[in-house]
Every structure is written in C-alpha cells, then in structure tokens.
Amino acid sequence: MNIRSLALALCLGIPAGAHASGFSLIEANADGQGAAYAGSGAKGDNASTIFFNPAAMTRLPGRQIVASLHAIGISAKFDDGNPATHDGGDAGGLSVLPNLYYAMPINANVWFGLGINVPFGLKTEYDANWVGRFQGIKSEMKTVNINPALAWRVNDRLSLGAGLNAMYIEAELTSFAGAAGTLTVKGDDWGYGYNVGLLYEAGRDTRVGVSYRSRVKQHLTGDISFSSAPTLNSGGSADITLPDTWTLSLYHRLSPRWALLADLARTGWSSFQELRVVRSNGAVLGVTPENWKNTFRYSLGAHYQLTERTTLRMGIGYDETPVPDARHRTVRIPDNDRTWLAAGIGFRLNTHDVLDVAYSHLFVKDASIDNGVTGRYQSHVDILGLQYTHTF
C-alpha cells in the first residue's frame, strides 16, 4: 500500500461541513471536545497534544497511543421563500472522522510523537435539480495530515515543540452546466507545513500554551468533465492556501477537584480570496470570489474530578465565520458564526487505559445569501466523540 492509499484508508469520512470557522476541523480528539476544546494547548494529558501543542508531550507519563472517532451529523437547509422552487433538500449529512496519535520518550527531556488527523474538510450536497444547481450541487474536500513532532523539556517550567506536516488533499466540485450537462471538477495534491509550540508551567496548578500551525499551499491537479459534452473535457488545476492558526491556551487547577480552561485562537482565512479553476491549456474555467477574513475562536471550559477514576468535562465556545457578508456567501460553503455547548466524561479503566466520551451541539446562526442565489440557511451540528488512550 503506497502512502496515498494509506492516507485515504485512514480518512474514513469527512463531515458535511466544518465545525471550526470556514472548512477547518478542530475535532482532533474527544477528551478536548468535552470542554469545547478550551485549554487545548496547555493540558498535555495525552498524545493528541501533538496536534494542539507538541511541546506538551513532555507531560506524558510514558509511551502512549490515542485513537478517537467522531460521528458528526449536520443539518443545512436552504429556503428562498418561494414554494414553487426546489430548495435542494438537506445539504448536510452524517459521517465519521478518525484521529490517531503515538508518543514516546527518547530520553528524560526529549519526546517523539506522530499524529494522523484531518484538519480540514467539507461536504455539501443538494438535490440535482435544485434552484442553485448552476452554482453548485456537490462540494467535497478531504484532507489527511501526517504530523511527526518532537518536544524538548528545557527546564522544570519551559518546554518547546515542533513538527512537520504532510497534508494530502482531494476535492470534487459539481454543478449544472446547461446543455453540457453536469460539470465535475476533481483534483488532488500533497502540501507541506509545520507546527510549533511552547508550554510554560507557572507552577503545579497553572500552565500556559502557545502554538502555531503554518499555512499549507496546495496545487490541485486533475480532470474537468461534462456529462453531456465530452469534447469539452480536459485536465485542470486549482490553487488553495490552507490557513495558519495561532492559539493561546490556559489551564488552571482551582482545587483537587476543579480545573478551569480557556482558549483564544486566530485563523488566517484571508489567504482564501478566490476559487479559480484553470484548464490544462491555461484557459480559466471559472472564478468564484470569496474575500474571506481572518477569524477568532473563543472557548471556556471546566474539568471536575468526580471520583479518582471519573472526570466530568463541560465547555462553551464561539467561532466567527470568515465569510464577510451575504454577497460573498456561496452555496458550496454557507458558513456562519456558531456557538458550541459541550459535555464529556472520562473513565480511567485501570492504570493503563482511559475511555473518553463527549457530545457537542453547535448552534449555527441563520445565514443569508445574496450571490446569484437569494435566501437563507438554517443549520445546526451534533457531534459524538469517542476516544481510547493506552499508556504502555
């Protein structure tokens, strides 16, 4: 099995829409989900920190493997206010998102880790004869990220971490092209980036994490095809720069039972200004202006140690949309601000094994669109997360 086949095999399913801003995915573990991902880069309580802040690997108790699955159900319904037109049905759906991590100490001060996760994803699909079919019918983007990382404990208070990211992307876009039938654009690529982090332990009860994930530039190449006009078929390409993210995280233990967590994250969505599809001969097939803006994500959470083996988690979060207004909202990504409510529970089964379960409901603000298609979207998201952690 080659590395591309391995990446696709690990990508069990991509959610129908994303759950941080734009089409980014924050569901990189289930224990963090229970607190709405507050304190994500400061906890350092299992190997999934490779994604959130690799520096926090220095807090792990030994060799560790973490596997998580998220079942994500999205409803996204369009209404143009005209009962005589077809609004496309529910563009959302149900899918499964996997993550896998392994971490180990090299010596007393240096750790190695490997993470495989899905940091970006998108899928919306309408009925083929809906009113907005000339703009989009199916939009699907899959990514798989392979992230080896190192962490170094500088002293009792400071740890540093860094990792490389090899990200595979695959995309498919369809729309109706009149007499030429259904237009399908497919492409894929590998892109590369890095992530770095810092963990400062102010004392036994307080930790601060700062982390950065770089931009990843992707040049997708593939095929352009028309179902009823094969003479128009050709090769094609599209460029996209996936955004960078800065995150500031805080963990503070108030008492033996209570801990408070917080996160502030900035995502550089201004890198996504247009979607341009070009034929292999250089002719432009189409350009969709996006004009996205940078966004912030805010989250607060708490942990409560119910018993020696049971931890309760709760959290609230708020994600800004990168879409500037109704004129730039598209049927492919009808994104808007969303509020997270999350809860979770962790069970220590024995000295080596931990099971985490989490549930989140995302209240998505109604999204108006006035971009060739005029109307309003009503959306919401439900996420169930399950995670198993084994320490050797």
Protein backbone atom coordinates (compact mmCIF):
# COMPACT_ATOMS: atom_id res chain seq x y z
CA MET A 1 0.00 0.00 0.00
CA ASN A 2 1.53 3.37 -1.02
CA ILE A 3 1.35 6.46 1.17
CA ARG A 4 -1.56 7.98 -0.79
CA SER A 5 -3.61 4.80 -0.39
CA LEU A 6 -2.76 4.72 3.32
CA ALA A 7 -3.92 8.32 3.74
CA LEU A 8 -7.23 7.63 2.00
CA ALA A 9 -7.78 4.46 4.02
CA LEU A 10 -7.34 6.41 7.25
CA CYS A 11 -9.80 9.06 6.08
CA LEU A 12 -12.97 7.13 6.92
CA GLY A 13 -15.26 10.05 6.21
CA ILE A 14 -15.29 13.81 6.06
CA PRO A 15 -18.06 15.74 7.83
CA ALA A 16 -20.68 17.50 5.76
CA GLY A 17 -19.38 20.95 6.54
CA ALA A 18 -16.72 22.07 9.00
CA HIS A 19 -17.01 22.78 12.69
CA ALA A 20 -14.50 25.48 13.36
CA SER A 21 -14.51 28.53 11.08
CA GLY A 22 -14.75 28.07 7.34
CA PHE A 23 -13.90 24.46 6.48
CA SER A 24 -11.35 23.81 9.24
CA LEU A 25 -11.92 20.92 11.64
CA ILE A 26 -10.96 21.14 15.30
CA GLU A 27 -12.22 17.65 16.22
CA ALA A 28 -8.75 16.21 16.76
CA ASN A 29 -9.62 14.35 19.99
CA ALA A 30 -12.67 13.51 22.11
CA ASP A 31 -11.44 14.45 25.59
CA GLY A 32 -10.89 18.04 24.44
CA GLN A 33 -14.31 18.09 22.79
CA GLY A 34 -15.96 17.69 26.20
CA ALA A 35 -14.65 21.14 27.20
CA ALA A 36 -15.29 22.73 23.76
CA TYR A 37 -11.52 22.49 23.16
CA ALA A 38 -10.73 25.05 25.84
CA GLY A 39 -7.16 24.72 27.15
CA SER A 40 -6.29 22.56 24.16
CA GLY A 41 -2.62 23.56 24.05
CA ALA A 42 -1.99 23.65 27.81
CA LYS A 43 -3.45 20.38 29.15
CA GLY A 44 -0.86 17.91 27.91
CA ASP A 45 -2.82 14.96 29.29
CA ASN A 46 -2.50 12.59 26.31
CA ALA A 47 -0.71 12.12 22.97
CA SER A 48 -3.31 14.08 20.96
CA THR A 49 -1.46 17.20 22.12
CA ILE A 50 0.75 16.58 19.06
CA PHE A 51 -1.94 18.40 17.07
CA PHE A 52 -2.75 21.17 19.57
CA ASN A 53 0.71 21.87 21.04
CA PRO A 54 3.58 19.40 20.55
CA ALA A 55 5.55 20.97 23.43
CA ALA A 56 3.08 19.48 25.94
CA MET A 57 4.25 15.93 25.10
CA THR A 58 6.80 16.40 27.89
CA ARG A 59 3.97 15.98 30.41
CA LEU A 60 3.05 12.47 29.26
CA PRO A 61 3.69 9.58 31.67
CA GLY A 62 5.29 7.22 29.13
CA ARG A 63 4.70 5.63 25.73
CA GLN A 64 1.12 6.28 24.72
CA ILE A 65 -1.33 5.68 21.88
CA VAL A 66 -4.60 7.57 21.37
CA ALA A 67 -7.36 6.71 18.89
CA SER A 68 -10.57 8.70 18.52
CA LEU A 69 -13.68 8.72 16.34
CA HIS A 70 -16.26 11.46 15.90
CA ALA A 71 -19.73 10.85 14.48
CA ILE A 72 -20.82 14.21 13.07
CA GLY A 73 -24.33 15.00 11.91
CA ILE A 74 -25.09 18.28 10.16
CA SER A 75 -28.34 19.81 9.00
CA ALA A 76 -28.07 22.63 6.43
CA LYS A 77 -31.36 23.66 4.84
CA PHE A 78 -31.85 26.46 2.30
CA ASP A 79 -35.09 28.42 1.87
CA ASP A 80 -35.64 31.07 -0.79
CA GLY A 81 -39.16 31.87 0.38
CA ASN A 82 -40.73 30.69 -2.89
CA PRO A 83 -42.81 27.47 -2.53
CA ALA A 84 -42.69 26.96 -6.30
CA THR A 85 -38.90 26.38 -6.40
CA HIS A 86 -36.87 23.39 -5.24
CA ASP A 87 -34.65 24.36 -2.29
CA GLY A 88 -32.34 21.35 -2.60
CA GLY A 89 -33.21 19.31 0.48
CA ASP A 90 -30.81 19.00 3.40
CA ALA A 91 -27.25 19.67 2.15
CA GLY A 92 -25.79 18.16 5.32
CA GLY A 93 -25.35 14.54 6.35
CA LEU A 94 -23.72 12.09 8.76
CA SER A 95 -20.11 10.97 8.63
CA VAL A 96 -17.21 9.73 10.77
CA LEU A 97 -13.90 11.48 11.50
CA PRO A 98 -10.87 9.47 12.76
CA ASN A 99 -7.67 10.52 14.56
CA LEU A 100 -4.62 8.52 15.66
CA TYR A 101 -1.59 9.51 17.78
CA TYR A 102 1.51 7.87 19.24
CA ALA A 103 4.07 9.44 21.58
CA MET A 104 7.18 8.13 23.34
CA PRO A 105 10.13 9.47 25.35
CA ILE A 106 13.53 9.35 23.67
CA ASN A 107 15.26 10.31 26.92
CA ALA A 108 14.37 12.21 30.10
CA ASN A 109 13.99 15.53 28.23
CA VAL A 110 13.08 14.72 24.61
CA TRP A 111 9.88 13.20 23.22
CA PHE A 112 8.86 11.95 19.78
CA GLY A 113 5.28 11.83 18.52
CA LEU A 114 3.33 11.00 15.39
CA GLY A 115 -0.18 12.24 14.67
CA ILE A 116 -2.54 11.36 11.81
CA ASN A 117 -5.59 13.60 11.65
CA VAL A 118 -8.00 15.55 9.45
CA PRO A 119 -7.55 19.33 9.93
CA PHE A 120 -9.77 20.46 7.03
CA GLY A 121 -12.86 19.04 5.37
CA LEU A 122 -16.03 20.00 3.55
CA LYS A 123 -19.05 18.28 2.07
CA THR A 124 -22.33 19.79 0.95
CA GLU A 125 -24.64 18.05 -1.49
CA TYR A 126 -28.01 19.24 -2.83
CA ASP A 127 -30.63 17.55 -4.98
CA ALA A 128 -29.55 17.66 -8.62
CA ASN A 129 -32.47 19.85 -9.77
CA TRP A 130 -32.40 22.45 -7.01
CA VAL A 131 -32.67 26.19 -7.64
CA GLY A 132 -28.95 26.84 -7.06
CA ARG A 133 -27.65 24.00 -9.25
CA PHE A 134 -25.80 26.38 -11.61
CA GLN A 135 -23.60 27.46 -8.66
CA GLY A 136 -23.09 24.08 -7.03
CA ILE A 137 -24.56 20.64 -6.43
CA LYS A 138 -21.84 18.64 -4.67
CA SER A 139 -18.79 20.12 -2.95
CA GLU A 140 -16.41 17.73 -1.22
CA MET A 141 -12.90 18.25 0.12
CA LYS A 142 -10.93 15.65 2.07
CA THR A 143 -7.61 16.09 3.83
CA VAL A 144 -5.35 13.75 5.77
CA ASN A 145 -2.42 15.18 7.72
CA ILE A 146 0.65 13.18 8.81
CA ASN A 147 2.43 15.04 11.62
CA PRO A 148 5.71 13.78 13.17
CA ALA A 149 6.85 16.01 16.06
CA LEU A 150 9.49 16.46 18.76
CA ALA A 151 9.26 18.04 22.21
CA TRP A 152 12.13 19.22 24.45
CA ARG A 153 11.89 19.98 28.17
CA VAL A 154 14.23 22.94 28.55
CA ASN A 155 13.81 23.11 32.34
CA ASP A 156 11.19 22.45 35.01
CA ARG A 157 8.97 25.23 33.68
CA LEU A 158 9.56 25.52 29.93
CA SER A 159 9.02 23.01 27.10
CA LEU A 160 9.32 23.59 23.35
CA GLY A 161 7.93 21.53 20.48
CA ALA A 162 7.95 21.40 16.69
CA GLY A 163 6.52 19.18 13.99
CA LEU A 164 6.30 18.71 10.23
CA ASN A 165 3.01 18.32 8.37
CA ALA A 166 2.49 16.38 5.14
CA MET A 167 -1.10 17.01 4.07
CA TYR A 168 -2.94 15.18 1.30
CA ILE A 169 -5.96 16.94 -0.19
CA GLU A 170 -8.60 15.63 -2.57
CA ALA A 171 -11.53 17.69 -3.89
CA GLU A 172 -14.58 17.26 -6.10
CA LEU A 173 -16.95 20.02 -7.24
CA THR A 174 -20.05 19.55 -9.37
CA SER A 175 -22.62 21.95 -10.82
CA PHE A 176 -25.12 22.11 -13.67
CA ALA A 177 -23.79 23.49 -16.96
CA GLY A 178 -26.98 23.63 -19.07
CA ALA A 179 -26.78 21.74 -22.37
CA ALA A 180 -23.32 20.44 -21.44
CA GLY A 181 -24.86 18.53 -18.52
CA THR A 182 -23.19 18.15 -15.14
CA LEU A 183 -19.77 19.77 -14.76
CA THR A 184 -17.39 17.81 -12.49
CA VAL A 185 -14.01 19.13 -11.37
CA LYS A 186 -11.68 16.75 -9.49
CA GLY A 187 -8.14 17.20 -8.22
CA ASP A 188 -5.64 16.27 -5.53
CA ASP A 189 -2.21 17.21 -4.19
CA TRP A 190 0.28 16.89 -1.32
CA GLY A 191 1.26 20.05 0.58
CA TYR A 192 3.70 20.67 3.43
CA GLY A 193 3.87 22.83 6.51
CA TYR A 194 4.92 22.84 10.16
CA ASN A 195 3.64 23.39 13.67
CA VAL A 196 5.47 24.72 16.73
CA GLY A 197 4.55 25.22 20.36
CA LEU A 198 5.62 26.43 23.77
CA LEU A 199 4.41 25.27 27.18
CA TYR A 200 5.15 27.31 30.30
CA GLU A 201 4.33 25.78 33.68
CA ALA A 202 3.98 28.70 36.07
CA GLY A 203 3.50 26.29 38.96
CA ARG A 204 1.99 22.91 39.77
CA ASP A 205 -1.53 24.23 39.11
CA THR A 206 -1.11 26.67 36.19
CA ARG A 207 0.05 26.11 32.60
CA VAL A 208 0.09 28.37 29.55
CA GLY A 209 0.48 27.08 25.99
CA VAL A 210 1.19 29.00 22.78
CA SER A 211 1.09 27.15 19.46
CA TYR A 212 1.19 27.87 15.74
CA ARG A 213 0.19 25.81 12.71
CA SER A 214 1.54 27.14 9.41
CA ARG A 215 -0.19 27.72 6.11
CA VAL A 216 -0.14 24.85 3.63
CA LYS A 217 -0.16 25.70 -0.07
CA GLN A 218 -1.91 23.18 -2.31
CA HIS A 219 -1.85 22.99 -6.12
CA LEU A 220 -4.60 20.54 -7.03
CA THR A 221 -4.41 18.92 -10.45
CA GLY A 222 -6.93 16.56 -12.02
CA ASP A 223 -9.79 16.45 -14.50
CA ILE A 224 -12.61 18.67 -15.80
CA SER A 225 -15.52 16.78 -17.35
CA PHE A 226 -19.00 17.48 -18.73
CA SER A 227 -21.56 14.66 -18.66
CA SER A 228 -23.24 15.63 -21.97
CA ALA A 229 -20.34 17.26 -23.82
CA PRO A 230 -17.20 15.08 -23.57
CA THR A 231 -15.45 17.13 -26.25
CA LEU A 232 -15.15 19.90 -23.63
CA ASN A 233 -13.31 17.65 -21.17
CA SER A 234 -9.72 18.45 -20.22
CA GLY A 235 -7.22 18.42 -17.42
CA GLY A 236 -7.42 21.20 -14.85
CA SER A 237 -5.97 22.71 -11.71
CA ALA A 238 -6.81 24.96 -8.78
CA ASP A 239 -4.66 26.59 -6.08
CA ILE A 240 -5.69 26.94 -2.47
CA THR A 241 -3.73 28.10 0.57
CA LEU A 242 -5.00 26.47 3.75
CA PRO A 243 -4.79 29.00 6.61
CA ASP A 244 -2.41 29.28 9.54
CA THR A 245 -3.63 29.31 13.16
CA TRP A 246 -2.28 30.88 16.35
CA THR A 247 -3.62 29.53 19.66
CA LEU A 248 -3.21 30.75 23.24
CA SER A 249 -4.31 28.20 25.87
CA LEU A 250 -4.65 28.32 29.66
CA TYR A 251 -5.09 25.56 32.25
CA HIS A 252 -5.53 26.36 35.95
CA ARG A 253 -6.39 23.89 38.71
CA LEU A 254 -8.53 25.63 41.32
CA SER A 255 -8.68 22.71 43.74
CA PRO A 256 -8.09 18.95 43.77
CA ARG A 257 -11.48 18.55 42.02
CA TRP A 258 -11.91 21.64 39.80
CA ALA A 259 -9.85 22.96 36.87
CA LEU A 260 -10.61 25.89 34.56
CA LEU A 261 -9.53 26.07 30.90
CA ALA A 262 -9.56 28.74 28.19
CA ASP A 263 -8.56 29.12 24.55
CA LEU A 264 -8.15 32.01 22.13
CA ALA A 265 -7.35 31.09 18.52
CA ARG A 266 -6.83 33.18 15.38
CA THR A 267 -7.16 31.60 11.92
CA GLY A 268 -5.72 33.39 8.89
CA TRP A 269 -8.59 32.89 6.45
CA SER A 270 -7.59 35.99 4.48
CA SER A 271 -5.46 33.53 2.47
CA PHE A 272 -8.70 32.37 0.77
CA GLN A 273 -9.67 35.20 -1.57
CA GLU A 274 -10.96 33.28 -4.59
CA LEU A 275 -11.53 29.82 -6.03
CA ARG A 276 -10.07 29.77 -9.55
CA VAL A 277 -10.27 26.67 -11.77
CA VAL A 278 -7.92 26.63 -14.78
CA ARG A 279 -7.83 24.24 -17.74
CA SER A 280 -4.56 22.49 -18.58
CA ASN A 281 -4.14 24.81 -21.61
CA GLY A 282 -4.20 27.88 -19.32
CA ALA A 283 -7.79 28.96 -20.03
CA VAL A 284 -9.78 29.95 -16.95
CA LEU A 285 -12.86 27.76 -16.49
CA GLY A 286 -14.31 29.82 -13.67
CA VAL A 287 -13.53 32.16 -10.77
CA THR A 288 -15.56 32.41 -7.55
CA PRO A 289 -14.69 35.46 -5.40
CA GLU A 290 -14.51 34.51 -1.70
CA ASN A 291 -12.84 37.51 0.04
CA TRP A 292 -12.68 35.70 3.38
CA LYS A 293 -11.45 37.46 6.50
CA ASN A 294 -9.38 36.31 9.48
CA THR A 295 -11.37 34.88 12.38
CA PHE A 296 -11.15 34.28 16.13
CA ARG A 297 -12.37 31.35 18.21
CA TYR A 298 -13.07 31.71 21.95
CA SER A 299 -13.74 28.87 24.38
CA LEU A 300 -14.08 28.35 28.15
CA GLY A 301 -14.26 25.01 29.90
CA ALA A 302 -14.02 23.17 33.20
CA HIS A 303 -13.00 19.75 34.50
CA TYR A 304 -14.50 18.22 37.63
CA GLN A 305 -12.86 15.17 39.25
CA LEU A 306 -15.95 13.28 40.35
CA THR A 307 -14.04 10.26 41.65
CA GLU A 308 -10.47 9.02 41.45
CA ARG A 309 -11.33 7.35 38.13
CA THR A 310 -14.04 9.63 36.68
CA THR A 311 -13.62 13.12 35.21
CA LEU A 312 -16.52 15.30 34.08
CA ARG A 313 -15.97 17.99 31.44
CA MET A 314 -18.05 20.91 30.18
CA GLY A 315 -17.44 23.86 27.88
CA ILE A 316 -18.77 26.64 25.72
CA GLY A 317 -17.19 28.11 22.59
CA TYR A 318 -17.81 30.71 19.91
CA ASP A 319 -16.50 30.53 16.32
CA GLU A 320 -16.54 33.51 13.98
CA THR A 321 -17.26 32.94 10.30
CA PRO A 322 -14.71 34.11 7.72
CA VAL A 323 -17.49 34.95 5.23
CA PRO A 324 -17.75 38.77 5.15
CA ASP A 325 -21.41 39.17 4.10
CA ALA A 326 -24.34 37.65 2.21
CA ARG A 327 -22.92 38.77 -1.16
CA HIS A 328 -19.82 36.59 -0.63
CA ARG A 329 -21.55 33.58 0.94
CA THR A 330 -21.70 30.69 -1.53
CA VAL A 331 -23.92 27.62 -1.79
CA ARG A 332 -20.80 25.46 -1.53
CA ILE A 333 -19.83 26.86 1.90
CA PRO A 334 -22.89 28.54 3.51
CA ASP A 335 -20.87 29.24 6.66
CA ASN A 336 -21.83 31.47 9.60
CA ASP A 337 -20.97 32.11 13.26
CA ARG A 338 -21.63 29.21 15.61
CA THR A 339 -21.83 28.65 19.38
CA TRP A 340 -20.64 25.40 20.98
CA LEU A 341 -22.17 23.70 24.01
CA ALA A 342 -20.20 20.62 25.03
CA ALA A 343 -20.01 18.00 27.76
CA GLY A 344 -17.93 14.88 28.28
CA ILE A 345 -16.84 12.20 30.70
CA GLY A 346 -13.56 10.34 31.10
CA PHE A 347 -13.28 6.89 32.70
CA ARG A 348 -9.93 5.52 33.91
CA LEU A 349 -10.50 1.82 33.36
CA ASN A 350 -7.20 0.78 35.00
CA THR A 351 -3.64 2.08 35.36
CA HIS A 352 -3.09 1.87 31.58
CA ASP A 353 -6.40 2.59 29.85
CA VAL A 354 -8.74 5.60 29.64
CA LEU A 355 -12.03 5.88 27.77
CA ASP A 356 -13.49 9.32 26.91
CA VAL A 357 -16.95 10.14 25.58
CA ALA A 358 -18.12 13.63 24.55
CA TYR A 359 -21.15 15.30 22.99
CA SER A 360 -21.44 18.77 21.45
CA HIS A 361 -24.28 20.73 19.91
CA LEU A 362 -23.43 23.68 17.66
CA PHE A 363 -25.98 26.45 17.26
CA VAL A 364 -25.27 27.97 13.84
CA LYS A 365 -26.56 31.48 13.19
CA ASP A 366 -29.01 31.69 10.27
CA ALA A 367 -27.03 32.61 7.16
CA SER A 368 -28.47 34.83 4.45
CA ILE A 369 -27.16 34.58 0.87
CA ASP A 370 -27.49 37.09 -1.97
CA ASN A 371 -24.98 35.93 -4.53
CA GLY A 372 -26.94 34.90 -7.61
CA VAL A 373 -28.99 32.67 -5.29
CA THR A 374 -31.07 34.57 -2.71
CA GLY A 375 -32.43 33.10 0.50
CA ARG A 376 -31.48 31.92 3.98
CA TYR A 377 -29.84 28.85 5.52
CA GLN A 378 -30.80 27.22 8.81
CA SER A 379 -28.15 24.88 10.18
CA HIS A 380 -27.04 23.00 13.27
CA VAL A 381 -24.44 20.37 14.14
CA ASP A 382 -24.35 17.42 16.56
CA ILE A 383 -21.06 15.68 17.39
CA LEU A 384 -20.50 12.48 19.38
CA GLY A 385 -16.87 11.71 20.20
CA LEU A 386 -15.26 8.50 21.50
CA GLN A 387 -11.60 8.10 22.47
CA TYR A 388 -9.37 5.34 23.80
CA THR A 389 -5.99 6.09 25.41
CA HIS A 390 -3.45 3.39 26.32
CA THR A 391 -0.25 4.07 28.23
CA PHE A 392 2.34 1.31 27.94
